[in-house]
Amino acid sequence: MSAGGRRREIAHRLFATEFDVSTVTITDSDEEMAPTFVLTPTGALVNRVFVVGALTEVDQVGDDVYRGRIHDPTGTFIAYAGQYQPDAANFLADAQTPTFVSLTAKARTFEPEGSSQVLTSLRPERLTVSDTTERDRWVTEAARYTLARIEWFARARADSIADEDIEEHLRSLGVRGDTAKGIALAVAEYGTSATYLKALRDRVKQALEVTFADGESVRPIEIDPGDMRGEETFDDLATDHFADLLVDPDVTPQPTPAVAAVDTGASVEAEATPGDEVEPEPEPTDIDFDPDEEFELSAQERARIEEEFGTEFETGSSIEPSDTEAVDETVEPQVAIDDEPDDDSSPPAADDPDTTPAEAEVDLEASVIEHMRELDNGDGVDRARLIEAVSDTTGASASAVDNAIQDALMSGTCYEPTEDHLKPI
């Protein structure tokens, strides 16, 4: 929960190529401080995002205002930080480029005066140095959730449901509320076509190949979301390889959807990719590609992805960075930057000077994950219950434990399957 009792939105994991063409902003209510969401063509309702990519360029565009370009395999995110994001602005001012970074940020759209073009950007909340392992994990998470949205979107359209009934229809199939609502809105606002969904699906495959299988590059999508010039149909895309990721475990489908059964403990923009933030969809994933088991891919999931894409995957650490990600990994790590102190900001970083000696002697993040595994009954652990359990065991303050949870979310060792619940990866 953020200041004032409002819940934090989950940070979605999604690719730049989809975010960049998003032009619609949705407000959840008429309240003065109501959150706003950037609606993407596949139906993600994005208030916050989590991105791991290569920071390749920083420009000072005004007094104490810096612009950073962060590349993922599909395109570029633009982040602006100024006087209201002093830590992020200082980070960008001092950053050595190129370098991998992790960014949690608010999603924004902007229409320049006198122009009909809508631009997207990110307002940083937390910005830290990252590495290829985190980048690889993020690409996997973003890929799986993008594919899941494509599958549910295509299924809704293939079923020939009236536009006004799409949200209710998807909910009846067990789809999470925020996903069902977002897809219905995307149908109305973008008229997203099967041609665009097929193009996006192909770019996801290319992004995985670039990251894990020595692919060359990801081609830009040169059509609008509503373009229907191709021969693709929604029936062709209405598969169920990843659709289970966006099913609400607390809803009994009527009728039961043809979604492959999975171990919910193994399912994962958003980040969500995560709260990011409408009842948000979860964003992290647990498909990992590191043969050293920190990034291990199960045989079942490997078979599923190889069947879907027809490619064998290797660890990203064995792949040479692309031109936009030629990162010097010898750069000395920098201290994580705290979130900005606004009403939606994250708690202070765990290395706060007020940290007690007891907290300093305990690896709180490791304790958080350990307790998470012990308390998880299959549906995740209530955040408040987890904080209380770790505090009782370690003597750490609730604030310090909450910081450790945030660090675990940032590092990808856990995720939020539902609001205020956490699961280890």
Foldseek 3Di string as FASTA:
>chain_A
DFPPPDFFAKAAQAAPLFLFQFFDKAFPDPDPPTAIFGFTLLQATFFKWKAKFWFADWDDPDDLKIWTWGDAQAGTAIEIEGPLWNLVSVCRVPDDPGFIKIFMFGKDWDADPPGPDIGIHTYTFWMWTDDLQLSQQSLVLNLLVLLLSLQLLLVLVVVVDPLVCQLVQVVLQQFDNSSSVRSSVSCVPQVFAQVVSVLVNVQSLQSQCVQWPVHAGRDRDPDGRNDDPDPGHSVVSNDALRNVQRGDPVDQHDPHDPHDDDQLLQAFCCCCPISSDSWRAKTGGLQAAAPVPVRHHDPVNQVSVCVVNVDHTHHSVVHQDHPSRNHDPVPDTDDITAGRPDRNHAQGALVDPVWDPLLVVDLLLVLLQVVQVVPDPRQFAQQVVSLVVSCVVRVGDSSNNSNSVVVCVSSRQWIDRGRRGIHGD
